[in-house]
Amino acid sequence: MKTQVSITDIIARQREFFNTGTTKDIDFRLKQLKVLKQAVSENQEAILQALKADLGKPEFEAYGTEISTIKEIARAIKHLKTWAKPQKAPVSLQFFPASAQIYPEPLGVVLIIGPWNYPFHLVFSPLVGAIAAGNCAIIKPSELAPQTSLIISKILQKYFDPAYINVVEGGVETSQQLLAEKFDHVFFTGGTAVGKIVMEAAAKNLTPVTLELGGKSPCIVDSDTNLEHTATRITWGKFLNAGQTCIAPDYLLVDRKIKENLLVEIQKRLQEFYGDNPATSPDYARIVNQRHFDRLVNLIDNDKIRIGGETNREERYIAPTVLDNVSLTDPVMEEEIFGPILPVIEYTDVREAINFINSRPKPLALYLFTNNKSLQQQVLQVTSSGGVCINDTVLQFGVSSLPFGGVGDSGMGKYHGKASFDTFSHYKSVLHRSFLFNSKLFYPPYQSKLSLLKRFLG
């Protein structure tokens, strides 16, 4: 399925199937969502094994962050009929007698391009929205997680008609071939650089896009905080999946009065989580490949290592690493880290931290640890980010009632819960007028009607 002709044929078959109107039926959509839930449930072990092979994911992390898609499917099944119901819209008296409704309708054939860091969940999660909204979908899993890509392909081929849901595996060339085609929506999760390529390609066909990107998500730690809980939550969120999480805290901005105590607590949490040697811990993942391993190693300044720093290229292992006394101009502060390296920068006045955040591209997530309600409101009001989590990390992604997405360089568009349904729907505005009454005010001849029109529209 890797030639230009075959991809064209796949899309043509899906358009033909979509045009039958089958996917618009709510009962059909519900049935397919139940099939998707069954598919995940029946293949959990194979999915977990694939994630272990690709990323060394501990079973607990893999289940909590990947298999948890089941919960999202269940939510869509529960609420779909409400989401899909036409909404009444108010109509002013000028248009009497009339009524108005807004009808959600599917976009058509959509393309979902998945990433490698959460290679199962970040394909199946948007797929839930695409199915719920009544679309056909083509899935392009990440080639950098080959075992997960393979299991996704096997599952979807087994449970779904390829004219409805199909998988196209391959590398960059395959992605380029797909993006050269006309889709009704492209949903991409990945880095900012590739996101620009996706958007440029989609623009040639006037295809709308959702870009779930990333960036350097800051974490402010105020002096007025619970140090033990703060250290626990930062350590977990940063080193989950060996730091390969788009919303992981990328760097810490810490009040200098508590920096030393916080670092001591983080070191305690690391020992508690992964033992004396994280390399032997069953609960610590690995870097996805050697290219990313090499990139990350080059970001570690040996003179600034406070915790960790050990590496093993053969095993793609990088210890949970904390860098202290980091400069704002250090290489580790120039790009999204996407690995288990945590730079620490101290401040004396929180305004310094806020100004630094506002001087950089808008992040996907912003974290703030403080008991100070005034500071919480200040940060919410004067910064911009895809989302904010106060006094914890990463958990905002799991709240399905919160639309998830970026802003500026960190992306565009939202999903999760109803936001996923909205992303893959077009909201069609419909006006109904009655024949019971027909004013001649708006029709020619216009002589002597202007003053009346002004009063009428005023």
Protein backbone atom coordinates (compact mmCIF):
# COMPACT_ATOMS: atom_id res chain seq x y z
CA MET A 1 0.00 0.00 0.00
CA LYS A 2 2.94 2.34 -0.40
CA THR A 3 2.61 3.50 -3.97
CA GLN A 4 0.90 6.68 -5.04
CA VAL A 5 -1.72 4.73 -7.02
CA SER A 6 -2.70 2.48 -4.12
CA ILE A 7 -3.10 5.43 -1.75
CA THR A 8 -5.26 7.17 -4.33
CA ASP A 9 -7.34 4.02 -4.67
CA ILE A 10 -7.77 3.71 -0.90
CA ILE A 11 -9.07 7.26 -0.68
CA ALA A 12 -11.35 6.73 -3.68
CA ARG A 13 -12.87 3.63 -2.05
CA GLN A 14 -13.44 5.54 1.17
CA ARG A 15 -15.10 8.44 -0.64
CA GLU A 16 -17.35 5.98 -2.41
CA PHE A 17 -18.31 4.39 0.89
CA PHE A 18 -18.83 7.77 2.59
CA ASN A 19 -21.11 8.88 -0.23
CA THR A 20 -23.45 5.96 0.48
CA GLY A 21 -24.47 7.86 3.64
CA THR A 22 -23.87 4.82 5.85
CA THR A 23 -21.53 6.60 8.25
CA LYS A 24 -24.05 9.37 8.90
CA ASP A 25 -26.39 6.96 10.65
CA ILE A 26 -26.07 7.33 14.42
CA ASP A 27 -26.71 3.66 15.08
CA PHE A 28 -23.92 2.76 12.66
CA ARG A 29 -21.52 5.08 14.46
CA LEU A 30 -22.44 3.63 17.84
CA LYS A 31 -21.91 0.13 16.54
CA GLN A 32 -18.46 1.03 15.20
CA LEU A 33 -17.45 2.67 18.48
CA LYS A 34 -18.43 -0.52 20.29
CA VAL A 35 -16.35 -2.52 17.81
CA LEU A 36 -13.40 -0.19 18.46
CA LYS A 37 -13.77 -0.70 22.20
CA GLN A 38 -13.92 -4.45 21.69
CA ALA A 39 -10.82 -4.31 19.49
CA VAL A 40 -8.79 -2.57 22.19
CA SER A 41 -10.08 -4.87 24.93
CA GLU A 42 -9.37 -8.07 23.03
CA ASN A 43 -5.84 -7.05 22.01
CA GLN A 44 -4.52 -5.50 25.20
CA GLU A 45 -1.68 -7.96 25.65
CA ALA A 46 -0.41 -7.55 22.09
CA ILE A 47 -0.60 -3.76 22.42
CA LEU A 48 1.34 -3.80 25.68
CA GLN A 49 4.02 -6.04 24.18
CA ALA A 50 4.40 -3.74 21.18
CA LEU A 51 4.80 -0.69 23.43
CA LYS A 52 7.38 -2.56 25.50
CA ALA A 53 9.34 -3.43 22.36
CA ASP A 54 9.27 0.10 20.94
CA LEU A 55 9.75 2.23 24.05
CA GLY A 56 10.42 -0.12 26.94
CA LYS A 57 7.16 1.06 28.48
CA PRO A 58 6.32 -0.42 31.87
CA GLU A 59 2.99 -2.23 31.74
CA PHE A 60 1.45 0.12 34.31
CA GLU A 61 2.38 3.23 32.32
CA ALA A 62 1.32 1.64 29.03
CA TYR A 63 -2.05 0.65 30.44
CA GLY A 64 -2.66 4.01 32.11
CA THR A 65 -1.62 6.17 29.15
CA GLU A 66 -2.42 4.01 26.11
CA ILE A 67 -5.06 1.37 26.87
CA SER A 68 -6.98 4.11 28.69
CA THR A 69 -8.42 4.96 25.26
CA ILE A 70 -11.20 2.56 26.27
CA LYS A 71 -12.51 5.18 28.68
CA GLU A 72 -12.67 7.77 25.91
CA ILE A 73 -14.55 5.36 23.64
CA ALA A 74 -17.06 4.65 26.42
CA ARG A 75 -17.65 8.38 26.91
CA ALA A 76 -18.32 8.85 23.20
CA ILE A 77 -20.79 5.95 23.18
CA LYS A 78 -22.62 7.42 26.17
CA HIS A 79 -22.93 10.96 24.79
CA LEU A 80 -23.01 10.53 21.00
CA LYS A 81 -26.76 10.94 20.55
CA THR A 82 -26.66 14.22 22.48
CA TRP A 83 -23.61 15.49 20.59
CA ALA A 84 -25.16 14.67 17.20
CA LYS A 85 -28.54 16.26 17.91
CA PRO A 86 -29.31 19.43 15.92
CA GLN A 87 -29.15 22.55 18.06
CA LYS A 88 -31.79 25.26 18.00
CA ALA A 89 -30.57 28.78 17.26
CA PRO A 90 -32.46 31.99 18.07
CA VAL A 91 -33.93 34.01 15.18
CA SER A 92 -34.72 37.71 15.53
CA LEU A 93 -38.14 39.12 14.67
CA GLN A 94 -36.83 40.62 11.42
CA PHE A 95 -36.94 37.15 9.89
CA PHE A 96 -40.38 36.11 11.17
CA PRO A 97 -41.78 33.56 10.49
CA ALA A 98 -38.60 31.46 10.67
CA SER A 99 -36.68 28.96 12.77
CA ALA A 100 -33.00 28.06 12.76
CA GLN A 101 -30.98 24.98 13.62
CA ILE A 102 -27.31 23.98 13.58
CA TYR A 103 -26.69 20.48 12.25
CA PRO A 104 -23.41 18.67 12.97
CA GLU A 105 -22.40 16.66 9.92
CA PRO A 106 -19.29 14.58 9.14
CA LEU A 107 -16.49 16.11 7.11
CA GLY A 108 -15.88 13.06 4.91
CA VAL A 109 -12.55 11.25 4.58
CA VAL A 110 -9.98 12.26 7.19
CA LEU A 111 -6.29 11.52 7.70
CA ILE A 112 -4.85 10.88 11.17
CA ILE A 113 -1.04 10.94 11.46
CA GLY A 114 0.20 9.56 14.77
CA PRO A 115 3.40 10.19 16.78
CA TRP A 116 5.86 7.70 18.26
CA ASN A 117 5.85 8.69 21.94
CA TYR A 118 2.33 7.46 22.74
CA PRO A 119 1.92 5.63 19.44
CA PHE A 120 -1.28 3.77 20.25
CA HIS A 121 -3.34 6.26 22.28
CA LEU A 122 -2.54 9.25 20.08
CA VAL A 123 -3.89 7.39 17.05
CA PHE A 124 -6.94 5.81 18.63
CA SER A 125 -7.99 8.89 20.61
CA PRO A 126 -8.60 11.11 17.55
CA LEU A 127 -10.03 8.06 15.75
CA VAL A 128 -12.77 7.97 18.38
CA GLY A 129 -13.77 11.49 17.38
CA ALA A 130 -13.60 10.72 13.67
CA ILE A 131 -15.89 7.69 14.04
CA ALA A 132 -18.29 9.47 16.40
CA ALA A 133 -18.64 12.36 13.96
CA GLY A 134 -19.42 9.96 11.09
CA ASN A 135 -16.26 10.06 8.97
CA CYS A 136 -14.15 7.54 7.12
CA ALA A 137 -10.53 7.57 8.25
CA ILE A 138 -7.06 6.69 7.05
CA ILE A 139 -4.49 6.10 9.78
CA LYS A 140 -0.75 6.70 9.38
CA PRO A 141 1.03 5.35 12.49
CA SER A 142 4.57 6.41 13.30
CA GLU A 143 7.28 4.32 11.67
CA LEU A 144 9.53 5.13 14.65
CA ALA A 145 7.40 2.80 16.79
CA PRO A 146 7.33 -0.11 14.30
CA GLN A 147 5.85 -2.80 16.53
CA THR A 148 2.99 -0.56 17.61
CA SER A 149 2.43 0.51 14.01
CA LEU A 150 2.16 -3.14 13.05
CA ILE A 151 -0.32 -4.02 15.81
CA ILE A 152 -2.47 -0.98 14.95
CA SER A 153 -2.56 -2.13 11.34
CA LYS A 154 -3.46 -5.71 12.30
CA ILE A 155 -6.21 -4.63 14.69
CA LEU A 156 -7.91 -2.18 12.35
CA GLN A 157 -7.69 -4.53 9.36
CA LYS A 158 -9.28 -7.30 11.43
CA TYR A 159 -12.18 -5.31 12.87
CA PHE A 160 -13.06 -2.76 10.17
CA ASP A 161 -13.83 -2.63 6.47
CA PRO A 162 -10.85 -0.89 4.78
CA ALA A 163 -13.33 1.20 2.80
CA TYR A 164 -14.28 2.68 6.18
CA ILE A 165 -11.13 2.61 8.35
CA ASN A 166 -7.76 1.89 6.79
CA VAL A 167 -4.10 1.94 7.83
CA VAL A 168 -1.18 2.99 5.66
CA GLU A 169 2.20 2.13 7.14
CA GLY A 170 5.50 3.59 6.04
CA GLY A 171 8.03 6.36 6.54
CA VAL A 172 8.47 9.93 5.40
CA GLU A 173 7.84 9.10 1.74
CA THR A 174 4.48 7.54 2.61
CA SER A 175 3.50 10.60 4.65
CA GLN A 176 4.41 12.83 1.72
CA GLN A 177 2.28 10.75 -0.63
CA LEU A 178 -0.67 10.91 1.74
CA LEU A 179 -0.35 14.65 2.24
CA ALA A 180 -0.34 15.20 -1.52
CA GLU A 181 -3.89 13.83 -1.63
CA LYS A 182 -7.12 15.70 -0.97
CA PHE A 183 -8.60 14.95 2.44
CA ASP A 184 -11.46 16.65 4.26
CA HIS A 185 -9.35 17.04 7.41
CA VAL A 186 -5.81 16.21 8.53
CA PHE A 187 -5.15 15.51 12.20
CA PHE A 188 -1.43 15.52 13.02
CA THR A 189 0.36 14.91 16.31
CA GLY A 190 4.09 15.55 16.37
CA GLY A 191 6.76 18.23 16.41
CA THR A 192 6.45 21.85 15.35
CA ALA A 193 8.88 21.52 12.41
CA VAL A 194 6.93 18.66 10.82
CA GLY A 195 3.67 20.40 11.72
CA LYS A 196 4.68 23.27 9.43
CA ILE A 197 5.28 20.78 6.60
CA VAL A 198 1.88 19.17 7.17
CA MET A 199 0.12 22.53 7.16
CA GLU A 200 1.91 23.66 4.01
CA ALA A 201 0.97 20.45 2.19
CA ALA A 202 -2.65 20.62 3.38
CA ALA A 203 -2.93 24.25 2.26
CA LYS A 204 -2.39 23.21 -1.36
CA ASN A 205 -5.71 21.37 -1.20
CA LEU A 206 -7.37 23.85 1.19
CA THR A 207 -7.59 21.01 3.70
CA PRO A 208 -8.25 22.10 7.29
CA VAL A 209 -5.80 20.78 9.88
CA THR A 210 -5.57 20.03 13.55
CA LEU A 211 -1.96 20.28 14.72
CA GLU A 212 -1.17 18.82 18.12
CA LEU A 213 2.44 19.90 18.58
CA GLY A 214 4.52 20.63 21.65
CA GLY A 215 7.16 23.08 22.78
CA LYS A 216 8.99 23.88 25.97
CA SER A 217 6.34 23.64 28.69
CA PRO A 218 7.50 25.66 31.72
CA CYS A 219 6.94 24.79 35.35
CA ILE A 220 6.98 27.62 37.89
CA VAL A 221 7.60 26.66 41.53
CA ASP A 222 6.75 29.36 44.04
CA SER A 223 8.15 29.45 47.57
CA ASP A 224 4.64 29.08 48.99
CA THR A 225 4.13 25.43 48.09
CA ASN A 226 4.09 21.94 49.56
CA LEU A 227 7.61 20.81 48.66
CA GLU A 228 7.03 17.08 49.13
CA HIS A 229 3.93 16.96 46.93
CA THR A 230 5.47 19.35 44.43
CA ALA A 231 8.60 17.22 44.04
CA THR A 232 6.54 14.04 43.73
CA ARG A 233 4.28 15.42 41.01
CA ILE A 234 7.05 17.09 39.01
CA THR A 235 9.23 13.97 39.15
CA TRP A 236 6.38 11.76 37.98
CA GLY A 237 5.24 14.05 35.17
CA LYS A 238 8.76 14.73 33.90
CA PHE A 239 10.12 11.18 33.87
CA LEU A 240 6.95 9.35 32.82
CA ASN A 241 7.78 7.52 29.56
CA ALA A 242 11.41 8.62 30.07
CA GLY A 243 10.39 12.22 29.52
CA GLN A 244 9.01 11.55 26.04
CA THR A 245 5.72 13.33 26.66
CA CYS A 246 4.66 16.45 24.76
CA ILE A 247 3.22 18.02 27.92
CA ALA A 248 6.01 16.99 30.30
CA PRO A 249 7.46 19.86 32.33
CA ASP A 250 10.32 20.91 30.06
CA TYR A 251 12.17 23.08 32.57
CA LEU A 252 11.72 24.43 36.09
CA LEU A 253 11.62 28.08 37.10
CA VAL A 254 12.13 27.92 40.88
CA ASP A 255 12.17 30.54 43.59
CA ARG A 256 15.79 30.62 44.77
CA LYS A 257 14.67 30.47 48.44
CA ILE A 258 13.43 26.89 48.01
CA LYS A 259 15.52 25.60 45.09
CA GLU A 260 17.96 23.54 47.17
CA ASN A 261 15.20 21.95 49.23
CA LEU A 262 13.21 21.15 46.10
CA LEU A 263 16.17 19.44 44.43
CA VAL A 264 16.76 17.36 47.55
CA GLU A 265 13.12 16.29 47.47
CA ILE A 266 13.27 15.46 43.74
CA GLN A 267 16.30 13.26 44.36
CA LYS A 268 14.39 11.45 47.11
CA ARG A 269 11.43 10.89 44.79
CA LEU A 270 13.66 9.51 42.04
CA GLN A 271 15.17 7.01 44.46
CA GLU A 272 11.69 6.12 45.70
CA PHE A 273 10.32 5.68 42.15
CA TYR A 274 13.21 3.91 40.40
CA GLY A 275 15.58 2.70 43.12
CA ASP A 276 19.32 3.27 43.40
CA ASN A 277 19.85 2.40 39.73
CA PRO A 278 17.01 3.35 37.38
CA ALA A 279 18.68 1.31 34.61
CA THR A 280 17.51 -1.84 36.38
CA SER A 281 14.07 -0.53 37.31
CA PRO A 282 11.12 -2.27 35.61
CA ASP A 283 9.24 1.01 35.87
CA TYR A 284 11.49 3.21 33.73
CA ALA A 285 11.15 3.41 29.94
CA ARG A 286 13.76 3.80 27.20
CA ILE A 287 14.50 6.35 24.47
CA VAL A 288 12.70 5.47 21.23
CA ASN A 289 15.83 5.14 19.04
CA GLN A 290 19.54 5.91 18.91
CA ARG A 291 19.11 9.10 16.90
CA HIS A 292 16.98 10.63 19.64
CA PHE A 293 19.36 9.17 22.24
CA ASP A 294 22.31 10.98 20.62
CA ARG A 295 20.34 14.22 20.39
CA LEU A 296 19.52 14.07 24.10
CA VAL A 297 23.03 13.18 25.21
CA ASN A 298 24.30 16.28 23.42
CA LEU A 299 21.99 18.41 25.58
CA ILE A 300 23.56 17.20 28.83
CA ASP A 301 26.21 19.58 30.15
CA ASN A 302 28.34 17.41 32.44
CA ASP A 303 29.38 20.43 34.49
CA LYS A 304 25.76 21.13 35.40
CA ILE A 305 24.57 17.63 36.32
CA ARG A 306 22.99 17.68 39.76
CA ILE A 307 21.24 14.30 39.57
CA GLY A 308 21.74 11.40 37.15
CA GLY A 309 23.56 11.84 33.87
CA GLU A 310 24.35 8.16 33.27
CA THR A 311 23.76 6.85 29.73
CA ASN A 312 23.95 3.58 27.79
CA ARG A 313 23.61 3.93 24.03
CA GLU A 314 23.20 0.24 23.36
CA GLU A 315 20.21 0.05 25.69
CA ARG A 316 18.95 3.54 24.73
CA TYR A 317 19.06 4.39 28.43
CA ILE A 318 19.40 7.87 29.86
CA ALA A 319 19.06 8.16 33.60
CA PRO A 320 16.61 10.68 35.04
CA THR A 321 18.81 13.75 34.92
CA VAL A 322 18.53 17.13 36.62
CA LEU A 323 20.71 20.03 35.47
CA ASP A 324 21.31 22.89 37.91
CA ASN A 325 22.53 26.46 37.37
CA VAL A 326 21.26 26.37 33.80
CA SER A 327 21.60 29.51 31.71
CA LEU A 328 18.72 30.78 29.60
CA THR A 329 21.02 30.53 26.57
CA ASP A 330 22.22 26.95 27.12
CA PRO A 331 21.51 24.47 24.27
CA VAL A 332 19.10 22.56 26.52
CA MET A 333 16.93 25.70 26.62
CA GLU A 334 16.81 26.18 22.84
CA GLU A 335 14.50 23.33 21.85
CA GLU A 336 11.90 21.00 23.32
CA ILE A 337 13.84 18.37 25.26
CA PHE A 338 11.47 15.43 24.88
CA GLY A 339 13.55 13.25 27.15
CA PRO A 340 14.52 12.66 30.80
CA ILE A 341 16.52 15.85 31.27
CA LEU A 342 15.20 18.53 33.62
CA PRO A 343 16.92 21.95 33.58
CA VAL A 344 16.49 24.10 36.69
CA ILE A 345 16.59 27.90 36.57
CA GLU A 346 16.20 29.99 39.70
CA TYR A 347 14.50 33.36 40.03
CA THR A 348 14.28 35.95 42.77
CA ASP A 349 11.04 37.59 41.63
CA VAL A 350 8.23 35.62 39.97
CA ARG A 351 7.87 38.41 37.43
CA GLU A 352 11.23 37.31 36.02
CA ALA A 353 9.78 33.84 35.39
CA ILE A 354 6.61 35.22 33.84
CA ASN A 355 8.51 37.61 31.58
CA PHE A 356 10.76 34.79 30.41
CA ILE A 357 7.79 32.58 29.56
CA ASN A 358 6.12 35.43 27.66
CA SER A 359 9.31 36.07 25.67
CA ARG A 360 9.21 32.58 24.17
CA PRO A 361 6.77 30.75 21.85
CA LYS A 362 3.49 29.83 23.53
CA PRO A 363 3.82 26.38 25.15
CA LEU A 364 1.42 23.46 25.00
CA ALA A 365 1.23 23.32 28.80
CA LEU A 366 2.13 25.59 31.68
CA TYR A 367 2.55 24.35 35.24
CA LEU A 368 2.41 26.37 38.43
CA PHE A 369 2.99 25.14 41.97
CA THR A 370 1.80 27.56 44.62
CA ASN A 371 -0.74 27.99 47.40
CA ASN A 372 -0.94 31.69 46.54
CA LYS A 373 -4.35 32.25 44.92
CA SER A 374 -3.37 35.72 43.77
CA LEU A 375 -0.32 34.36 41.96
CA GLN A 376 -2.44 31.64 40.38
CA GLN A 377 -4.77 34.27 38.92
CA GLN A 378 -1.86 36.45 37.86
CA VAL A 379 -0.21 33.65 35.89
CA LEU A 380 -3.51 32.64 34.28
CA GLN A 381 -4.20 36.21 33.19
CA VAL A 382 -0.80 37.31 31.89
CA THR A 383 0.46 34.14 30.15
CA SER A 384 -0.84 32.20 27.16
CA SER A 385 -0.53 28.44 26.70
CA GLY A 386 -2.49 25.51 25.32
CA GLY A 387 -3.51 24.55 28.84
CA VAL A 388 -2.59 25.10 32.48
CA CYS A 389 -2.31 22.71 35.39
CA ILE A 390 -1.95 24.16 38.86
CA ASN A 391 -0.21 22.09 41.56
CA ASP A 392 0.22 19.00 39.40
CA THR A 393 1.57 17.92 36.02
CA VAL A 394 0.27 16.04 32.95
CA LEU A 395 -3.07 15.10 34.53
CA GLN A 396 -4.97 17.74 32.56
CA PHE A 397 -4.58 15.53 29.48
CA GLY A 398 -6.70 12.83 31.11
CA VAL A 399 -9.73 15.03 31.86
CA SER A 400 -11.97 14.36 28.87
CA SER A 401 -14.21 17.34 29.61
CA LEU A 402 -11.22 19.66 29.04
CA PRO A 403 -10.51 20.31 25.34
CA PHE A 404 -6.84 19.59 24.69
CA GLY A 405 -4.71 21.49 22.20
CA GLY A 406 -2.07 24.12 21.66
CA VAL A 407 -1.85 27.76 20.70
CA GLY A 408 0.64 29.47 18.41
CA ASP A 409 3.72 27.32 17.88
CA SER A 410 2.30 24.58 20.11
CA GLY A 411 -0.54 23.83 17.71
CA MET A 412 -4.08 24.58 16.63
CA GLY A 413 -7.38 22.84 17.17
CA LYS A 414 -8.68 20.84 20.13
CA TYR A 415 -9.81 17.33 20.90
CA HIS A 416 -10.88 14.97 23.73
CA GLY A 417 -14.50 14.24 24.58
CA LYS A 418 -16.97 16.40 22.70
CA ALA A 419 -14.11 18.53 21.39
CA SER A 420 -13.03 15.50 19.30
CA PHE A 421 -16.55 15.21 17.86
CA ASP A 422 -16.49 18.94 17.09
CA THR A 423 -13.09 18.74 15.39
CA PHE A 424 -14.28 16.13 12.92
CA SER A 425 -17.67 17.76 12.31
CA HIS A 426 -18.95 20.62 10.22
CA TYR A 427 -21.69 22.60 11.93
CA LYS A 428 -24.15 23.40 9.17
CA SER A 429 -26.44 26.37 9.74
CA VAL A 430 -30.01 25.90 8.48
CA LEU A 431 -32.79 28.50 8.31
CA HIS A 432 -36.42 27.42 7.83
CA ARG A 433 -39.00 30.00 6.70
CA SER A 434 -42.73 29.52 6.66
CA PHE A 435 -45.10 30.37 3.79
CA LEU A 436 -47.68 31.71 6.28
CA PHE A 437 -46.52 35.30 5.93
CA ASN A 438 -44.38 37.13 3.36
CA SER A 439 -43.42 40.75 3.98
CA LYS A 440 -42.63 42.80 0.89
CA LEU A 441 -40.29 45.11 2.76
CA PHE A 442 -37.08 43.54 1.44
CA TYR A 443 -38.15 43.30 -2.21
CA PRO A 444 -38.00 45.90 -5.01
CA PRO A 445 -39.20 48.46 -5.73
CA TYR A 446 -37.34 50.14 -2.82
CA GLN A 447 -38.88 53.61 -3.16
CA SER A 448 -40.14 54.98 0.19
CA LYS A 449 -38.95 51.83 2.04
CA LEU A 450 -35.53 52.98 3.35
CA SER A 451 -36.81 54.78 6.45
CA LEU A 452 -38.97 51.80 7.34
CA LEU A 453 -36.01 49.44 6.82
CA LYS A 454 -33.84 51.53 9.14
CA ARG A 455 -36.49 51.38 11.88
CA PHE A 456 -36.98 47.68 11.26
CA LEU A 457 -33.31 46.78 11.48
CA GLY A 458 -32.55 49.28 14.22
